[in-house]
Amino acid sequence: MLKSAAIIQCFLAVLALQGSWAFSWRTPQNNTQSVCPLQDPPTQCGAFCFSILHPMQEELTSIEGKQNLVQTKLLAVQSRLEAERVSLTSKMDAQLVALQTEMKNQVQALQSDMDIKLDSILQTVQAKLDAQLSVLQESLKNIVTKADFEERVNKTEIDPHLPFEKIGNRYFYIEHDLERTWQSAASSCRRMGGYLATPRDEQELNDLLPHLAKSKNYWIGLNDIDQEDEFVSVASGKPAPFLNWDQFQPNNLRNNQDCVYMDYGRMIDSECSDVWPFICQLDNEV
């Protein structure tokens, strides 16, 4: 490319010289114009042009070399930047994969821990529910419904000994769960074919005690409703054949305690409107 430019420039110079076949210049000493007549313009002009253009050609060659060097350095920089970009991208991808894996592992560990805790809580709750259900089922076994009670009453019409059981020498029915006033308890015993019970003697009382709950009180058939301090049996209307009063009893508190209950064998007078379980006897001898 540089050679073509030089030839063109030389050609232009030859054309310019052919008009006068001379070359003129100014000398720096006298600032006068000198003229060099050309005897053989083609031969003399070629050598002259080459001597003039040779430094320019070398400068252009130098510039072209520098451009090539710059271009080479630029390509090297671009290659290095591309390599760094690829390396950085690879590192970022690897870090991203590692981060995703770590987050996944942490989520799985957290979920596993939550599952274990949830299972533990559910097992604890289930155990408590099972325990409460067991207690409730046991409680339901001891509950006497109206239908059960009526069934007991109806059975007594078929068998006079049911639901009475023989304790000692007589038949008794002990109601542990239903709580009634004294009058209601007496009516319940009558519907069953019996009466509120009155212990005949100490031996009979001792026979009854193993069948009674120590934590409960039970109505018996003794009362002094008609005459204060004259306790009679509601079954026979006769005076009580046996009394086993608790300490300071009877006290007729507030002058309104005419009915008797037993606290595990100890007799206590109380208001007839109080509610307690009760004991029935089948006969009316006592």
Protein backbone atom coordinates (compact mmCIF):
# COMPACT_ATOMS: atom_id res chain seq x y z
CA MET A 1 0.00 0.00 0.00
CA LEU A 2 2.88 2.39 0.83
CA LYS A 3 4.70 1.55 -2.42
CA SER A 4 1.62 2.40 -4.49
CA ALA A 5 1.34 5.75 -2.75
CA ALA A 6 4.99 6.51 -3.42
CA ILE A 7 4.69 5.68 -7.12
CA ILE A 8 1.63 7.89 -7.45
CA GLN A 9 3.37 10.78 -5.74
CA CYS A 10 6.42 10.37 -7.98
CA PHE A 11 4.27 10.24 -11.07
CA LEU A 12 2.60 13.50 -10.06
CA ALA A 13 5.98 15.10 -9.55
CA VAL A 14 7.16 14.01 -13.01
CA LEU A 15 4.06 15.49 -14.62
CA ALA A 16 4.69 18.76 -12.85
CA LEU A 17 8.31 18.86 -13.97
CA GLN A 18 7.57 18.02 -17.61
CA GLY A 19 5.95 21.44 -17.98
CA SER A 20 9.28 23.27 -17.38
CA TRP A 21 11.76 20.35 -17.27
CA ALA A 22 13.36 22.10 -14.34
CA PHE A 23 13.20 22.01 -10.58
CA SER A 24 13.56 25.11 -8.48
CA TRP A 25 14.10 25.66 -4.76
CA ARG A 26 15.10 28.41 -2.35
CA THR A 27 18.32 28.27 -0.47
CA PRO A 28 18.20 29.19 3.21
CA GLN A 29 21.34 31.35 2.89
CA ASN A 30 20.12 33.93 0.44
CA ASN A 31 16.46 33.02 0.27
CA THR A 32 16.85 33.02 -3.50
CA GLN A 33 15.21 30.65 -5.85
CA SER A 34 17.47 28.18 -7.67
CA VAL A 35 16.56 26.31 -10.76
CA CYS A 36 17.88 22.91 -11.62
CA PRO A 37 17.40 22.20 -15.33
CA LEU A 38 16.78 18.52 -16.09
CA GLN A 39 18.72 17.05 -19.00
CA ASP A 40 17.04 13.57 -18.67
CA PRO A 41 13.81 14.09 -16.78
CA PRO A 42 12.63 10.46 -16.57
CA THR A 43 15.96 9.16 -15.24
CA GLN A 44 16.84 12.14 -13.08
CA CYS A 45 13.29 12.54 -11.61
CA GLY A 46 12.96 8.84 -10.55
CA ALA A 47 16.10 8.90 -8.47
CA PHE A 48 15.27 12.32 -7.11
CA CYS A 49 11.72 11.37 -6.16
CA PHE A 50 12.92 8.17 -4.48
CA SER A 51 15.45 10.13 -2.44
CA ILE A 52 12.75 12.55 -1.38
CA LEU A 53 10.03 9.96 -0.67
CA HIS A 54 12.21 7.31 0.97
CA PRO A 55 12.14 8.92 4.46
CA MET A 56 8.37 9.30 4.19
CA GLN A 57 8.03 5.65 3.20
CA GLU A 58 10.12 4.62 6.18
CA GLU A 59 7.97 6.80 8.46
CA LEU A 60 4.85 5.24 7.04
CA THR A 61 6.33 1.79 7.49
CA SER A 62 7.16 2.70 11.09
CA ILE A 63 3.64 3.94 11.66
CA GLU A 64 2.21 0.79 10.11
CA GLY A 65 4.43 -1.31 12.41
CA LYS A 66 3.22 0.66 15.41
CA GLN A 67 -0.37 0.19 14.30
CA ASN A 68 0.21 -3.55 13.98
CA LEU A 69 1.81 -3.58 17.42
CA VAL A 70 -1.12 -1.65 18.91
CA GLN A 71 -3.53 -3.98 17.19
CA THR A 72 -1.63 -6.99 18.52
CA LYS A 73 -1.68 -5.54 22.06
CA LEU A 74 -5.37 -4.75 21.65
CA LEU A 75 -6.06 -8.32 20.59
CA ALA A 76 -4.02 -9.56 23.56
CA VAL A 77 -6.02 -7.32 25.93
CA GLN A 78 -9.26 -8.49 24.39
CA SER A 79 -8.16 -12.12 24.73
CA ARG A 80 -7.15 -11.53 28.34
CA LEU A 81 -10.44 -9.78 29.11
CA GLU A 82 -12.39 -12.58 27.47
CA ALA A 83 -10.43 -15.17 29.47
CA GLU A 84 -11.06 -13.21 32.68
CA ARG A 85 -14.75 -12.91 31.79
CA VAL A 86 -15.00 -16.65 31.18
CA SER A 87 -13.11 -17.38 34.39
CA LEU A 88 -15.26 -14.95 36.40
CA THR A 89 -18.44 -16.37 34.88
CA SER A 90 -17.28 -19.88 35.72
CA LYS A 91 -16.47 -18.88 39.30
CA MET A 92 -19.81 -17.11 39.71
CA ASP A 93 -21.65 -20.15 38.31
CA ALA A 94 -19.74 -22.42 40.69
CA GLN A 95 -20.49 -20.13 43.66
CA LEU A 96 -24.15 -19.95 42.64
CA VAL A 97 -24.38 -23.74 42.44
CA ALA A 98 -22.64 -24.06 45.80
CA LEU A 99 -24.99 -21.48 47.34
CA GLN A 100 -28.04 -23.21 45.90
CA THR A 101 -26.81 -26.57 47.22
CA GLU A 102 -26.15 -25.10 50.67
CA MET A 103 -29.58 -23.44 50.79
CA LYS A 104 -31.21 -26.69 49.68
CA ASN A 105 -29.38 -28.62 52.39
CA GLN A 106 -30.35 -26.04 55.02
CA VAL A 107 -34.01 -26.15 53.93
CA GLN A 108 -33.99 -29.95 54.04
CA ALA A 109 -32.36 -29.93 57.49
CA LEU A 110 -34.86 -27.36 58.75
CA GLN A 111 -37.77 -29.33 57.33
CA SER A 112 -36.45 -32.55 58.86
CA ASP A 113 -36.05 -30.84 62.25
CA MET A 114 -39.57 -29.42 62.01
CA ASP A 115 -40.95 -32.84 61.08
CA ILE A 116 -39.24 -34.41 64.08
CA LYS A 117 -40.55 -31.72 66.44
CA LEU A 118 -44.04 -31.93 64.94
CA ASP A 119 -44.06 -35.73 65.31
CA SER A 120 -42.96 -35.36 68.93
CA ILE A 121 -45.70 -32.81 69.64
CA LEU A 122 -48.32 -34.95 67.92
CA GLN A 123 -47.23 -38.01 69.89
CA THR A 124 -47.40 -36.07 73.15
CA VAL A 125 -50.85 -34.70 72.32
CA GLN A 126 -52.04 -38.15 71.23
CA ALA A 127 -50.77 -39.66 74.49
CA LYS A 128 -52.60 -37.01 76.52
CA LEU A 129 -55.78 -37.53 74.51
CA ASP A 130 -55.54 -41.29 74.97
CA ALA A 131 -55.06 -40.85 78.72
CA GLN A 132 -58.01 -38.46 78.96
CA LEU A 133 -60.14 -40.81 76.86
CA SER A 134 -59.26 -43.70 79.15
CA VAL A 135 -60.22 -41.66 82.20
CA LEU A 136 -63.45 -40.59 80.52
CA GLN A 137 -64.30 -44.17 79.58
CA GLU A 138 -63.72 -45.28 83.17
CA SER A 139 -65.91 -42.44 84.39
CA LEU A 140 -68.65 -43.37 81.94
CA LYS A 141 -68.64 -46.90 83.30
CA ASN A 142 -69.60 -45.55 86.72
CA ILE A 143 -72.34 -43.24 85.47
CA VAL A 144 -75.85 -44.56 85.99
CA THR A 145 -78.20 -43.13 83.39
CA LYS A 146 -81.92 -42.73 83.81
CA ALA A 147 -82.44 -45.72 81.51
CA ASP A 148 -80.08 -47.84 83.66
CA PHE A 149 -81.87 -46.83 86.81
CA GLU A 150 -85.28 -47.55 85.31
CA GLU A 151 -83.97 -50.91 84.13
CA ARG A 152 -82.91 -51.68 87.69
CA VAL A 153 -86.33 -50.69 88.96
CA ASN A 154 -88.07 -52.82 86.34
CA LYS A 155 -85.93 -55.82 87.21
CA THR A 156 -87.08 -55.64 90.80
CA GLU A 157 -90.62 -56.29 89.61
CA ILE A 158 -89.45 -59.61 88.19
CA ASP A 159 -86.94 -60.62 90.86
CA PRO A 160 -87.43 -59.01 94.29
CA HIS A 161 -83.75 -59.51 95.09
CA LEU A 162 -82.50 -57.41 92.15
CA PRO A 163 -80.65 -55.10 92.26
CA PHE A 164 -80.43 -55.85 95.98
CA GLU A 165 -77.57 -58.01 97.20
CA LYS A 166 -77.30 -60.00 100.37
CA ILE A 167 -75.02 -58.34 102.89
CA GLY A 168 -74.93 -60.15 106.20
CA ASN A 169 -78.41 -61.54 106.83
CA ARG A 170 -80.43 -59.01 104.80
CA TYR A 171 -80.65 -57.61 101.25
CA PHE A 172 -79.39 -54.11 100.53
CA TYR A 173 -78.92 -51.87 97.51
CA ILE A 174 -76.20 -49.20 97.73
CA GLU A 175 -76.44 -46.31 95.27
CA HIS A 176 -73.01 -44.72 94.91
CA ASP A 177 -73.53 -42.27 92.03
CA LEU A 178 -77.05 -40.79 92.07
CA GLU A 179 -77.42 -38.04 94.66
CA ARG A 180 -80.91 -37.33 96.03
CA THR A 181 -82.58 -35.42 98.84
CA TRP A 182 -83.68 -37.61 101.74
CA GLN A 183 -87.33 -37.70 100.55
CA SER A 184 -86.30 -38.39 96.92
CA ALA A 185 -83.96 -41.17 98.07
CA ALA A 186 -86.78 -42.72 100.09
CA SER A 187 -89.06 -42.59 97.02
CA SER A 188 -86.37 -44.17 94.84
CA CYS A 189 -86.03 -47.07 97.28
CA ARG A 190 -89.82 -47.54 97.29
CA ARG A 191 -89.91 -47.68 93.49
CA MET A 192 -87.32 -50.42 93.69
CA GLY A 193 -89.50 -52.34 96.13
CA GLY A 194 -87.49 -51.42 99.20
CA TYR A 195 -86.95 -48.72 101.83
CA LEU A 196 -84.22 -46.40 103.01
CA ALA A 197 -82.06 -48.67 105.13
CA THR A 198 -81.60 -48.67 108.91
CA PRO A 199 -78.74 -50.75 110.35
CA ARG A 200 -80.09 -53.27 112.82
CA ASP A 201 -76.98 -53.53 115.00
CA GLU A 202 -73.25 -52.97 115.07
CA GLN A 203 -72.55 -56.27 113.31
CA GLU A 204 -74.78 -55.32 110.38
CA LEU A 205 -73.12 -51.90 110.24
CA ASN A 206 -69.72 -53.58 110.08
CA ASP A 207 -71.01 -55.82 107.28
CA LEU A 208 -72.06 -52.75 105.29
CA LEU A 209 -68.84 -50.74 105.72
CA PRO A 210 -66.69 -52.68 103.16
CA HIS A 211 -69.34 -51.88 100.51
CA LEU A 212 -69.27 -48.11 101.18
CA ALA A 213 -66.92 -45.50 99.70
CA LYS A 214 -64.93 -43.80 102.44
CA SER A 215 -65.12 -40.47 100.62
CA LYS A 216 -68.93 -40.43 100.36
CA ASN A 217 -71.90 -39.89 102.62
CA TYR A 218 -75.08 -42.03 102.35
CA TRP A 219 -78.63 -41.34 103.41
CA ILE A 220 -80.17 -43.93 105.75
CA GLY A 221 -83.78 -44.30 106.87
CA LEU A 222 -83.51 -42.68 110.34
CA ASN A 223 -85.26 -39.34 111.00
CA ASP A 224 -86.89 -37.27 113.76
CA ILE A 225 -89.26 -35.35 111.53
CA ASP A 226 -92.32 -36.01 113.73
CA GLN A 227 -90.68 -35.64 117.14
CA GLU A 228 -87.37 -33.97 117.83
CA ASP A 229 -84.67 -36.34 119.10
CA GLU A 230 -86.91 -39.38 118.60
CA PHE A 231 -85.28 -41.08 115.64
CA VAL A 232 -87.40 -43.72 113.94
CA SER A 233 -86.98 -45.93 110.86
CA VAL A 234 -88.88 -44.83 107.77
CA ALA A 235 -89.29 -48.53 106.83
CA SER A 236 -90.99 -49.77 109.97
CA GLY A 237 -91.89 -46.56 111.82
CA LYS A 238 -90.22 -48.05 114.89
CA PRO A 239 -87.58 -46.35 117.05
CA ALA A 240 -84.03 -46.89 115.84
CA PRO A 241 -82.74 -50.19 117.17
CA PHE A 242 -79.09 -49.04 116.87
CA LEU A 243 -77.40 -45.62 116.79
CA ASN A 244 -73.74 -44.83 116.13
CA TRP A 245 -73.53 -41.03 116.32
CA ASP A 246 -70.47 -39.07 115.28
CA GLN A 247 -68.91 -36.75 117.87
CA PHE A 248 -71.21 -33.84 118.91
CA GLN A 249 -74.12 -35.43 117.00
CA PRO A 250 -77.01 -35.02 116.68
CA ASN A 251 -76.84 -31.23 117.00
CA ASN A 252 -79.94 -30.14 115.06
CA LEU A 253 -78.01 -27.17 113.65
CA ARG A 254 -80.29 -24.18 112.94
CA ASN A 255 -83.10 -26.32 114.35
CA ASN A 256 -83.62 -27.79 110.88
CA GLN A 257 -81.73 -31.10 110.79
CA ASP A 258 -84.19 -33.98 110.90
CA CYS A 259 -82.68 -36.60 108.58
CA VAL A 260 -79.67 -38.87 109.11
CA TYR A 261 -76.79 -39.82 106.81
CA MET A 262 -73.72 -41.96 107.47
CA ASP A 263 -70.12 -40.86 107.00
CA TYR A 264 -68.46 -44.30 106.76
CA GLY A 265 -70.52 -45.68 109.65
CA ARG A 266 -70.73 -42.51 111.77
CA MET A 267 -74.26 -41.12 111.93
CA ILE A 268 -74.85 -37.36 111.44
CA ASP A 269 -78.11 -35.42 111.40
CA SER A 270 -78.57 -33.04 108.46
CA GLU A 271 -81.13 -30.98 106.58
CA CYS A 272 -83.39 -33.28 104.59
CA SER A 273 -82.89 -31.07 101.50
CA ASP A 274 -79.21 -31.95 101.26
CA VAL A 275 -78.31 -34.38 98.48
CA TRP A 276 -76.33 -37.60 99.00
CA PRO A 277 -76.18 -41.13 97.60
CA PHE A 278 -78.30 -43.59 99.60
CA ILE A 279 -78.69 -47.13 100.91
CA CYS A 280 -81.87 -49.17 100.46
CA GLN A 281 -83.03 -52.29 102.28
CA LEU A 282 -85.45 -54.80 100.82
CA ASP A 283 -87.48 -55.59 103.96
CA ASN A 284 -89.37 -53.34 106.39
CA GLU A 285 -88.63 -55.30 109.53
CA VAL A 286 -86.30 -52.67 110.94
